[in-house]
Amino acid sequence: MNENRRLLKRFPLTLIVSGIALILLNLALFIFFMSPYMEDYQRHDDPLAVAHQMSDALQKQNGIYRLDETKIEDLSQTAWAMLLQNGSAKVVWSRNLPDDFPQVYTLAQVSTMSTTYFRDYPTFTVNNSDGVLVVGYPKNSFFKLVDNYWPMRFIKSIPTLALVVLIANALLLTLFYLRTYRVMNRSVGPLLEGISSLPKQQPLSIKEKGLLGDLACSLNQASELLAEQKELLNRRDVTRMNWITGVSHDIRTPLSIILGYADELKRDDQMPEESRKKMLLIRMESLRIKNLVNDLNLVSKLEYDSHLLHIEPVFPAKFLRGLIAEYLNDDFENHYDFEFFTEEKDLSVSIQGDANLLGRAVRNLIQNSINHNPQGCRITVKLRTEPEWLRITVADNGRGVSSEKLLQLKHTPHYMDSTDKQMNLRHGLGLMIVNKIVELHHGQVDIQSEKGHGFKTTLSFPLFEIKPQSKSSI
């Protein structure tokens, strides 16, 4: 609806601009077609002005009229001229007067010369001290209006008439706009609403009639296709989750048996050294498979919103020290040095979150450093607080990853892409779990690494209360 209103609000401006453009176009066409005639008019002097110049230049000396042509700008345009004597209307002076013209004229003929034509010659008259000077121009050179007068009442009413015409045009445009608004709102409105609903995957049912019926039909079909695709994706996701859950369950049973026997054999002091090495290798690989299955299970639950947060106060300094102590108690043959740094003021800081998931996120980061640095490294865990954030940093001084690899880790599209062709656990799956957990806690993840200069991950959590989320809100 908002898009429809924005579109229709632009229509009045478009209408006004179109009207102005039409007026300018008509004006330009008028000037274009009138320019030759205007140029022709400019080439001719004002005929009345020429007649006045000729009257002033006509002087009587010793009873003879002489014309001083130097006082007249251009006589070449005139055809003929004559001076009619007062009273008798007799020609007392003439220039280029046609031979068939009379020498004496009636008052009616003089009146005709003053207003229109004489023998198809356009004529112009001016008063002279000795009579009336008549100047004739070539035939078809000028067009003279015969009845060039208007009633005074009409002249006085022109402003009122112009205002009435302007108001009438404005009302007409308003009615046209309202009519168009109604038609567009009825025809285009549902289409715009339908287009806005498509990204939200809302079902559409637009009436397929009118001028835009074909477009409405296409939108309905697109909505049906999107609904079918959504259903297929949901079925695929459910099938994938069920498959992972089933496979995980099927794998756990034999893994438990293998690990149980491996633990028994580990306690057998009579076992040959070569067999013990093989047994330890079997146990280690079995644990890797178990961890991989657990990771797949967890990331599947996090992705498909089946894991509910158990929100409670968590003291990061306390559980971080506990995690580091667990790793120190494990047998790493002194390959790994652990360091923990925090300030005194941060020891008592707490956040609202799921303690198990937060611990899992930090474990994944530490385990990644161990898995990808078998030769050993120093692992540093830092805790610090800022006015609005709590930040946990896990860094190592191991071999790190290249910039291309780091880019891949930051943009892993799916957990199914987190194992390579040999099914070896990569950084990707562990980091994806970390991202999901931090996302559920409204936090941020920042990863930095450089080939040969270690791997560093910072988890940032807001220092405000996190509300428990339902399946639909995770």
Protein backbone atom coordinates (compact mmCIF):
# COMPACT_ATOMS: atom_id res chain seq x y z
CA MET A 1 0.00 0.00 0.00
CA ASN A 2 2.85 2.42 0.77
CA GLU A 3 4.36 1.80 -2.67
CA ASN A 4 0.95 2.47 -4.23
CA ARG A 5 0.59 5.76 -2.38
CA ARG A 6 4.09 6.87 -3.32
CA LEU A 7 3.36 6.07 -6.95
CA LEU A 8 0.06 7.96 -6.96
CA LYS A 9 1.52 10.93 -5.11
CA ARG A 10 3.96 11.37 -7.94
CA PHE A 11 1.14 11.50 -10.49
CA PRO A 12 0.01 15.13 -9.83
CA LEU A 13 3.58 16.35 -10.26
CA THR A 14 3.90 14.27 -13.42
CA LEU A 15 0.63 15.74 -14.68
CA ILE A 16 1.78 19.30 -14.00
CA VAL A 17 5.17 18.73 -15.58
CA SER A 18 3.53 17.11 -18.60
CA GLY A 19 1.18 20.09 -18.97
CA ILE A 20 4.07 22.56 -18.80
CA ALA A 21 6.05 20.46 -21.27
CA LEU A 22 3.07 20.43 -23.65
CA ILE A 23 2.71 24.21 -23.44
CA LEU A 24 6.43 24.69 -24.08
CA LEU A 25 6.27 22.28 -27.01
CA ASN A 26 3.35 24.17 -28.56
CA LEU A 27 5.15 27.45 -28.02
CA ALA A 28 8.30 26.08 -29.65
CA LEU A 29 6.31 24.79 -32.65
CA PHE A 30 4.53 28.14 -32.97
CA ILE A 31 7.84 30.01 -32.94
CA PHE A 32 9.33 27.53 -35.41
CA PHE A 33 6.50 27.90 -37.93
CA MET A 34 6.10 31.64 -37.39
CA SER A 35 9.78 32.51 -37.62
CA PRO A 36 9.82 32.80 -41.46
CA TYR A 37 6.88 35.22 -41.36
CA MET A 38 8.38 37.19 -38.51
CA GLU A 39 11.60 37.53 -40.45
CA ASP A 40 9.60 38.68 -43.45
CA TYR A 41 7.73 41.18 -41.28
CA GLN A 42 10.99 42.50 -39.83
CA ARG A 43 12.32 43.06 -43.31
CA HIS A 44 9.47 45.53 -43.86
CA ASP A 45 9.28 48.88 -42.07
CA ASP A 46 6.09 49.78 -40.28
CA PRO A 47 3.86 51.03 -43.13
CA LEU A 48 2.30 53.74 -40.96
CA ALA A 49 5.77 54.90 -39.91
CA VAL A 50 6.82 55.11 -43.57
CA ALA A 51 3.63 57.08 -44.33
CA HIS A 52 4.43 59.57 -41.54
CA GLN A 53 8.02 59.92 -42.77
CA MET A 54 6.77 60.53 -46.27
CA SER A 55 4.28 63.16 -45.00
CA ASP A 56 7.07 65.00 -43.17
CA ALA A 57 9.41 64.74 -46.18
CA LEU A 58 6.76 66.13 -48.55
CA GLN A 59 7.25 69.91 -48.80
CA LYS A 60 5.51 72.52 -50.93
CA GLN A 61 7.78 75.07 -52.58
CA ASN A 62 6.45 77.72 -54.97
CA GLY A 63 3.20 75.81 -55.34
CA ILE A 64 5.02 72.57 -56.22
CA TYR A 65 5.25 69.53 -53.91
CA ARG A 66 8.66 67.92 -53.62
CA LEU A 67 9.56 64.76 -51.71
CA ASP A 68 12.89 64.67 -49.87
CA GLU A 69 13.63 60.95 -50.15
CA THR A 70 16.68 61.24 -47.93
CA LYS A 71 14.38 61.61 -44.91
CA ILE A 72 12.68 58.27 -45.62
CA GLU A 73 14.38 55.01 -44.59
CA ASP A 74 13.10 52.83 -47.44
CA LEU A 75 10.79 53.75 -50.26
CA SER A 76 11.46 50.64 -52.30
CA GLN A 77 8.78 48.70 -50.47
CA THR A 78 5.98 51.10 -51.38
CA ALA A 79 4.10 50.73 -54.66
CA TRP A 80 2.67 54.23 -54.99
CA ALA A 81 1.67 57.35 -53.04
CA MET A 82 -0.60 60.35 -53.54
CA LEU A 83 -1.72 63.49 -51.66
CA LEU A 84 -5.45 64.28 -51.72
CA GLN A 85 -6.36 67.93 -51.27
CA ASN A 86 -8.61 68.91 -48.42
CA GLY A 87 -12.21 69.38 -49.42
CA SER A 88 -12.00 68.36 -53.09
CA ALA A 89 -10.11 65.04 -52.56
CA LYS A 90 -8.20 65.88 -55.75
CA VAL A 91 -4.74 64.44 -56.34
CA VAL A 92 -2.29 67.33 -55.95
CA TRP A 93 0.81 65.17 -55.78
CA SER A 94 1.60 61.55 -56.62
CA ARG A 95 4.43 59.09 -56.92
CA ASN A 96 4.29 56.03 -59.19
CA LEU A 97 0.52 56.26 -59.28
CA PRO A 98 -0.97 53.66 -61.68
CA ASP A 99 -2.32 55.19 -64.92
CA ASP A 100 -5.81 53.81 -64.41
CA PHE A 101 -6.24 55.53 -61.05
CA PRO A 102 -8.57 58.54 -61.03
CA GLN A 103 -7.41 62.04 -60.12
CA VAL A 104 -10.41 62.85 -57.94
CA TYR A 105 -11.92 60.60 -55.23
CA THR A 106 -15.10 60.45 -53.30
CA LEU A 107 -15.37 60.46 -49.51
CA ALA A 108 -16.41 56.80 -49.64
CA GLN A 109 -13.22 55.90 -51.54
CA VAL A 110 -11.08 57.84 -49.05
CA SER A 111 -12.80 56.06 -46.17
CA THR A 112 -12.09 52.68 -47.79
CA MET A 113 -8.42 53.57 -48.24
CA SER A 114 -8.20 54.43 -44.52
CA THR A 115 -9.55 51.08 -43.36
CA THR A 116 -8.97 48.38 -45.97
CA TYR A 117 -7.74 48.15 -49.57
CA PHE A 118 -8.08 50.14 -52.75
CA ARG A 119 -8.17 48.03 -55.88
CA ASP A 120 -6.48 45.20 -53.90
CA TYR A 121 -3.62 47.45 -52.84
CA PRO A 122 -3.19 47.62 -49.04
CA THR A 123 -3.35 51.34 -48.29
CA PHE A 124 -2.33 53.43 -45.27
CA THR A 125 -3.34 57.06 -44.71
CA VAL A 126 -2.01 59.92 -42.57
CA ASN A 127 -3.17 63.48 -42.19
CA ASN A 128 -1.11 66.17 -43.86
CA SER A 129 -1.36 69.95 -43.48
CA ASP A 130 -2.63 70.16 -47.05
CA GLY A 131 -4.82 67.06 -47.07
CA VAL A 132 -4.60 63.28 -46.71
CA LEU A 133 -1.51 61.33 -47.77
CA VAL A 134 -2.32 57.83 -49.08
CA VAL A 135 0.50 55.28 -49.36
CA GLY A 136 -0.16 52.06 -51.29
CA TYR A 137 1.82 48.83 -51.00
CA PRO A 138 2.11 45.98 -53.49
CA LYS A 139 -0.80 43.60 -53.71
CA ASN A 140 -0.73 40.66 -51.27
CA SER A 141 2.05 42.26 -49.19
CA PHE A 142 -0.12 42.98 -46.11
CA PHE A 143 -3.33 41.62 -44.64
CA LYS A 144 -5.60 44.25 -43.08
CA LEU A 145 -8.42 43.53 -40.66
CA VAL A 146 -11.65 45.21 -41.69
CA ASP A 147 -13.60 44.98 -38.42
CA ASN A 148 -10.81 45.48 -35.93
CA TYR A 149 -12.95 46.57 -33.00
CA TRP A 150 -14.39 44.91 -29.89
CA PRO A 151 -17.14 45.87 -27.47
CA MET A 152 -15.78 47.64 -24.39
CA ARG A 153 -17.82 45.38 -22.16
CA PHE A 154 -15.95 42.39 -23.61
CA ILE A 155 -12.58 44.08 -23.11
CA LYS A 156 -13.40 44.80 -19.47
CA SER A 157 -14.51 41.22 -18.90
CA ILE A 158 -11.27 39.65 -20.23
CA PRO A 159 -9.58 39.33 -16.74
CA THR A 160 -12.70 37.70 -15.34
CA LEU A 161 -13.00 35.36 -18.31
CA ALA A 162 -9.31 34.42 -18.00
CA LEU A 163 -9.78 33.60 -14.29
CA VAL A 164 -12.86 31.51 -15.05
CA VAL A 165 -10.99 29.61 -17.77
CA LEU A 166 -8.06 29.01 -15.42
CA ILE A 167 -10.33 27.70 -12.65
CA ALA A 168 -12.22 25.51 -15.11
CA ASN A 169 -8.95 24.00 -16.34
CA ALA A 170 -7.79 23.40 -12.76
CA LEU A 171 -11.07 21.67 -11.92
CA LEU A 172 -10.83 19.58 -15.06
CA LEU A 173 -7.29 18.50 -14.19
CA THR A 174 -8.36 17.72 -10.61
CA LEU A 175 -11.25 15.57 -11.82
CA PHE A 176 -8.93 13.83 -14.26
CA TYR A 177 -6.43 13.16 -11.47
CA LEU A 178 -9.08 11.83 -9.07
CA ARG A 179 -10.46 9.58 -11.75
CA THR A 180 -7.01 8.31 -12.65
CA TYR A 181 -6.13 7.87 -8.97
CA ARG A 182 -9.21 5.73 -8.45
CA VAL A 183 -8.53 3.61 -11.52
CA MET A 184 -4.84 3.14 -10.69
CA ASN A 185 -5.56 2.43 -7.04
CA ARG A 186 -8.07 -0.21 -8.02
CA SER A 187 -5.90 -1.78 -10.74
CA VAL A 188 -2.31 -1.22 -9.69
CA GLY A 189 -2.78 -1.26 -5.90
CA PRO A 190 -3.32 -5.02 -5.53
CA LEU A 191 -0.39 -5.70 -7.87
CA LEU A 192 1.98 -3.52 -5.85
CA GLU A 193 0.82 -5.13 -2.61
CA GLY A 194 1.32 -8.55 -4.19
CA ILE A 195 4.85 -7.70 -5.30
CA SER A 196 5.64 -6.46 -1.77
CA SER A 197 4.28 -9.72 -0.32
CA LEU A 198 6.37 -12.00 -2.53
CA PRO A 199 9.65 -11.58 -0.56
CA LYS A 200 7.70 -12.30 2.63
CA GLN A 201 6.47 -15.57 1.04
CA GLN A 202 2.87 -14.66 1.75
CA PRO A 203 0.22 -16.37 -0.42
CA LEU A 204 -1.37 -14.20 -3.11
CA SER A 205 -4.85 -14.24 -4.57
CA ILE A 206 -5.15 -11.27 -6.93
CA LYS A 207 -8.21 -10.96 -9.16
CA GLU A 208 -7.16 -11.72 -12.72
CA LYS A 209 -9.26 -9.21 -14.62
CA GLY A 210 -8.96 -5.84 -16.27
CA LEU A 211 -6.11 -4.36 -18.26
CA LEU A 212 -3.47 -5.85 -15.95
CA GLY A 213 -5.09 -9.26 -15.63
CA ASP A 214 -2.15 -11.05 -17.25
CA LEU A 215 0.27 -9.48 -14.78
CA ALA A 216 -1.98 -10.49 -11.87
CA CYS A 217 -2.05 -14.06 -13.22
CA SER A 218 1.76 -14.12 -13.40
CA LEU A 219 2.05 -12.88 -9.81
CA ASN A 220 -0.37 -15.55 -8.59
CA GLN A 221 1.64 -18.22 -10.41
CA ALA A 222 4.90 -16.87 -8.94
CA SER A 223 3.35 -17.00 -5.46
CA GLU A 224 2.28 -20.62 -5.99
CA LEU A 225 5.76 -21.58 -7.20
CA LEU A 226 7.38 -19.91 -4.19
CA ALA A 227 4.99 -21.72 -1.86
CA GLU A 228 5.84 -25.05 -3.52
CA GLN A 229 9.56 -24.34 -3.28
CA LYS A 230 9.20 -23.37 0.38
CA GLU A 231 7.38 -26.61 1.07
CA LEU A 232 10.06 -28.59 -0.75
CA LEU A 233 12.82 -26.82 1.20
CA ASN A 234 11.05 -27.49 4.47
CA ARG A 235 10.68 -31.16 3.58
CA ARG A 236 14.34 -31.31 2.57
CA ASP A 237 15.42 -29.66 5.82
CA VAL A 238 13.28 -31.99 7.90
CA THR A 239 14.59 -34.98 5.96
CA ARG A 240 18.19 -33.81 6.42
CA MET A 241 17.70 -33.26 10.14
CA ASN A 242 16.03 -36.64 10.58
CA TRP A 243 18.81 -38.26 8.57
CA ILE A 244 21.52 -36.64 10.68
CA THR A 245 19.70 -37.57 13.88
CA GLY A 246 19.24 -41.18 12.72
CA VAL A 247 22.82 -41.57 11.51
CA SER A 248 24.13 -40.03 14.71
CA HIS A 249 22.11 -42.47 16.77
CA ASP A 250 23.26 -45.41 14.66
CA ILE A 251 26.91 -44.36 14.90
CA ARG A 252 26.89 -43.71 18.65
CA THR A 253 26.15 -47.32 19.58
CA PRO A 254 29.13 -48.94 17.80
CA LEU A 255 31.33 -46.00 18.80
CA SER A 256 30.45 -46.54 22.45
CA ILE A 257 31.41 -50.18 22.14
CA ILE A 258 34.68 -49.36 20.38
CA LEU A 259 35.60 -46.69 22.93
CA GLY A 260 34.64 -49.00 25.82
CA TYR A 261 36.93 -51.79 24.61
CA ALA A 262 39.66 -49.25 23.83
CA ASP A 263 39.53 -47.94 27.40
CA GLU A 264 39.77 -51.51 28.75
CA LEU A 265 42.75 -52.27 26.52
CA LYS A 266 44.38 -49.03 27.61
CA ARG A 267 44.43 -50.27 31.20
CA ASP A 268 46.01 -53.61 30.12
CA ASP A 269 49.67 -53.44 31.15
CA GLN A 270 50.42 -56.72 29.34
CA MET A 271 49.67 -55.25 25.89
CA PRO A 272 52.69 -55.02 23.54
CA GLU A 273 53.86 -51.51 22.73
CA GLU A 274 53.04 -51.83 19.04
CA SER A 275 49.49 -52.96 19.81
CA ARG A 276 49.12 -50.14 22.35
CA LYS A 277 49.99 -47.56 19.71
CA LYS A 278 47.39 -49.05 17.36
CA MET A 279 44.82 -49.10 20.16
CA LEU A 280 45.50 -45.45 21.01
CA LEU A 281 45.15 -44.52 17.34
CA ILE A 282 41.81 -46.35 17.19
CA ARG A 283 40.63 -44.57 20.33
CA MET A 284 41.75 -41.15 19.05
CA GLU A 285 40.03 -41.56 15.67
CA SER A 286 36.91 -42.90 17.37
CA LEU A 287 36.81 -39.81 19.57
CA ARG A 288 37.18 -37.62 16.49
CA ILE A 289 34.24 -39.36 14.84
CA LYS A 290 32.22 -38.98 18.03
CA ASN A 291 33.02 -35.27 18.23
CA LEU A 292 32.16 -34.82 14.55
CA VAL A 293 28.80 -36.52 15.05
CA ASN A 294 28.10 -34.39 18.10
CA ASP A 295 29.03 -31.23 16.18
CA LEU A 296 26.77 -32.15 13.27
CA ASN A 297 23.94 -32.87 15.68
CA LEU A 298 24.39 -29.58 17.50
CA VAL A 299 24.70 -27.37 14.42
CA SER A 300 21.65 -29.09 12.94
CA LYS A 301 19.60 -28.29 16.03
CA LEU A 302 20.86 -24.72 16.10
CA GLU A 303 20.09 -24.19 12.42
CA TYR A 304 16.61 -25.70 12.53
CA ASP A 305 15.65 -23.93 15.77
CA SER A 306 15.17 -27.10 17.79
CA HIS A 307 17.60 -26.10 20.56
CA LEU A 308 16.10 -23.90 23.25
CA LEU A 309 18.25 -21.49 25.22
CA HIS A 310 18.45 -22.02 28.96
CA ILE A 311 19.11 -18.47 30.11
CA GLU A 312 20.84 -17.98 33.45
CA PRO A 313 23.53 -15.73 34.93
CA VAL A 314 26.95 -16.79 33.63
CA PHE A 315 30.25 -15.61 35.09
CA PRO A 316 32.73 -15.81 32.16
CA ALA A 317 35.88 -15.57 34.31
CA LYS A 318 34.82 -18.57 36.38
CA PHE A 319 33.88 -20.92 33.52
CA LEU A 320 36.90 -19.86 31.41
CA ARG A 321 39.26 -20.82 34.24
CA GLY A 322 37.43 -24.15 34.55
CA LEU A 323 37.81 -24.85 30.82
CA ILE A 324 41.53 -24.09 30.85
CA ALA A 325 41.98 -26.31 33.90
CA GLU A 326 40.30 -29.20 32.05
CA TYR A 327 42.73 -28.89 29.15
CA LEU A 328 45.71 -28.60 31.48
CA ASN A 329 44.68 -31.86 33.18
CA ASP A 330 44.53 -33.69 29.84
CA ASP A 331 47.62 -35.41 28.52
CA PHE A 332 48.99 -33.17 25.73
CA GLU A 333 52.65 -34.21 26.30
CA ASN A 334 53.37 -30.58 27.23
CA HIS A 335 52.89 -29.49 23.64
CA TYR A 336 50.48 -26.71 24.53
CA ASP A 337 50.92 -23.75 26.87
CA PHE A 338 47.73 -22.13 28.18
CA GLU A 339 47.48 -18.53 29.36
CA PHE A 340 44.51 -16.67 30.82
CA PHE A 341 44.39 -12.87 31.16
CA THR A 342 41.76 -10.63 32.70
CA GLU A 343 41.54 -7.61 34.95
CA GLU A 344 40.38 -7.63 38.56
CA LYS A 345 37.27 -5.60 37.72
CA ASP A 346 36.14 -8.25 35.19
CA LEU A 347 36.23 -11.22 37.57
CA SER A 348 32.76 -10.51 38.93
CA VAL A 349 31.13 -9.52 35.63
CA SER A 350 28.20 -11.70 34.56
CA ILE A 351 26.08 -12.00 31.45
CA GLN A 352 22.75 -13.65 30.74
CA GLY A 353 23.15 -16.71 28.54
CA ASP A 354 23.22 -20.47 28.11
CA ALA A 355 26.26 -21.68 30.06
CA ASN A 356 26.54 -24.99 28.18
CA LEU A 357 26.44 -23.33 24.75
CA LEU A 358 28.86 -20.58 25.74
CA GLY A 359 31.26 -23.18 27.09
CA ARG A 360 30.88 -25.18 23.88
CA ALA A 361 31.76 -22.13 21.78
CA VAL A 362 35.00 -21.50 23.72
CA ARG A 363 35.86 -25.25 23.71
CA ASN A 364 35.51 -25.31 19.94
CA LEU A 365 37.93 -22.41 19.56
CA ILE A 366 40.50 -24.02 21.87
CA GLN A 367 40.06 -27.41 20.21
CA ASN A 368 40.56 -25.85 16.77
CA SER A 369 43.90 -24.47 17.93
CA ILE A 370 44.88 -27.94 19.20
CA ASN A 371 43.64 -29.84 16.12
CA HIS A 372 45.41 -27.63 13.63
CA ASN A 373 48.68 -27.30 15.52
CA PRO A 374 49.71 -30.91 16.35
CA GLN A 375 53.30 -29.76 16.83
CA GLY A 376 52.15 -27.63 19.74
CA CYS A 377 51.53 -23.91 20.33
CA ARG A 378 50.70 -21.32 22.96
CA ILE A 379 46.95 -20.77 23.48
CA THR A 380 45.90 -17.49 25.09
CA VAL A 381 42.44 -16.72 26.46
CA LYS A 382 41.59 -13.10 27.33
CA LEU A 383 38.52 -11.65 29.01
CA ARG A 384 37.79 -7.95 29.00
CA THR A 385 34.74 -5.72 29.34
CA GLU A 386 33.78 -2.45 27.72
CA PRO A 387 30.89 -0.11 28.52
CA GLU A 388 28.39 -2.18 26.52
CA TRP A 389 30.27 -5.36 25.54
CA LEU A 390 32.00 -8.35 27.06
CA ARG A 391 34.71 -9.79 24.83
CA ILE A 392 36.35 -13.24 25.00
CA THR A 393 39.43 -13.76 22.82
CA VAL A 394 41.01 -17.13 22.04
CA ALA A 395 44.31 -16.87 20.16
CA ASP A 396 47.24 -19.13 19.33
CA ASN A 397 50.69 -18.58 17.85
CA GLY A 398 50.39 -21.55 15.51
CA ARG A 399 50.59 -21.80 11.77
CA GLY A 400 47.38 -19.85 11.05
CA VAL A 401 45.65 -19.81 7.67
CA SER A 402 46.03 -17.86 4.44
CA SER A 403 43.80 -14.90 3.57
CA GLU A 404 41.97 -17.02 0.98
CA LYS A 405 41.31 -19.74 3.54
CA LEU A 406 40.18 -17.15 6.09
CA LEU A 407 37.70 -15.77 3.58
CA GLN A 408 36.30 -19.26 3.04
CA LEU A 409 35.92 -19.78 6.78
CA LYS A 410 33.99 -16.54 7.16
CA HIS A 411 31.60 -17.47 4.37
CA THR A 412 31.01 -21.19 4.88
CA PRO A 413 27.56 -21.59 3.26
CA HIS A 414 26.41 -24.68 5.19
CA TYR A 415 27.66 -27.18 7.72
CA MET A 416 27.46 -29.87 5.00
CA ASP A 417 30.37 -28.00 3.36
CA SER A 418 32.48 -28.16 6.51
CA THR A 419 34.27 -31.42 5.76
CA ASP A 420 36.68 -31.95 2.90
CA LYS A 421 36.82 -34.89 0.48
CA GLN A 422 38.73 -37.02 3.02
CA MET A 423 36.08 -36.22 5.69
CA ASN A 424 38.69 -34.53 7.87
CA LEU A 425 37.28 -32.02 10.32
CA ARG A 426 38.15 -28.51 9.27
CA HIS A 427 37.93 -25.16 10.98
CA GLY A 428 34.61 -24.53 9.23
CA LEU A 429 32.26 -26.76 11.21
CA GLY A 430 33.60 -25.71 14.61
CA LEU A 431 33.47 -22.04 13.67
CA MET A 432 29.96 -22.44 12.29
CA ILE A 433 28.81 -23.78 15.66
CA VAL A 434 30.54 -20.84 17.35
CA ASN A 435 28.78 -18.39 14.99
CA LYS A 436 25.39 -19.97 15.65
CA ILE A 437 25.84 -19.88 19.44
CA VAL A 438 27.04 -16.26 19.44
CA GLU A 439 24.19 -15.29 17.12
CA LEU A 440 21.67 -16.78 19.57
CA HIS A 441 23.19 -14.56 22.27
CA HIS A 442 22.93 -11.45 20.02
CA GLY A 443 26.72 -11.24 19.84
CA GLN A 444 29.40 -10.86 17.19
CA VAL A 445 32.33 -12.97 15.99
CA ASP A 446 35.57 -11.51 14.65
CA ILE A 447 38.20 -13.82 13.13
CA GLN A 448 41.77 -12.79 12.32
CA SER A 449 44.60 -14.91 11.01
CA GLU A 450 47.73 -14.77 8.90
CA LYS A 451 49.73 -17.63 7.46
CA GLY A 452 52.44 -18.55 9.96
CA HIS A 453 51.26 -16.02 12.57
CA GLY A 454 48.51 -17.82 14.45
CA PHE A 455 44.74 -17.73 14.63
CA LYS A 456 42.67 -15.30 16.71
CA THR A 457 38.91 -15.27 17.37
CA THR A 458 37.04 -12.69 19.46
CA LEU A 459 33.53 -13.31 20.77
CA SER A 460 31.60 -10.17 21.75
CA PHE A 461 28.45 -10.33 23.87
CA PRO A 462 26.17 -7.43 24.80
CA LEU A 463 25.91 -6.61 28.49
CA PHE A 464 22.12 -6.76 28.68
CA GLU A 465 19.55 -9.35 29.54
CA ILE A 466 18.85 -11.98 26.88
CA LYS A 467 15.29 -13.25 26.80
CA PRO A 468 14.65 -16.97 26.26
CA GLN A 469 13.78 -17.67 22.66
CA SER A 470 11.19 -20.03 21.31
CA LYS A 471 11.68 -22.21 18.28
CA SER A 472 10.09 -19.66 16.02
CA SER A 473 12.30 -16.81 17.23
CA ILE A 474 15.71 -18.45 17.26
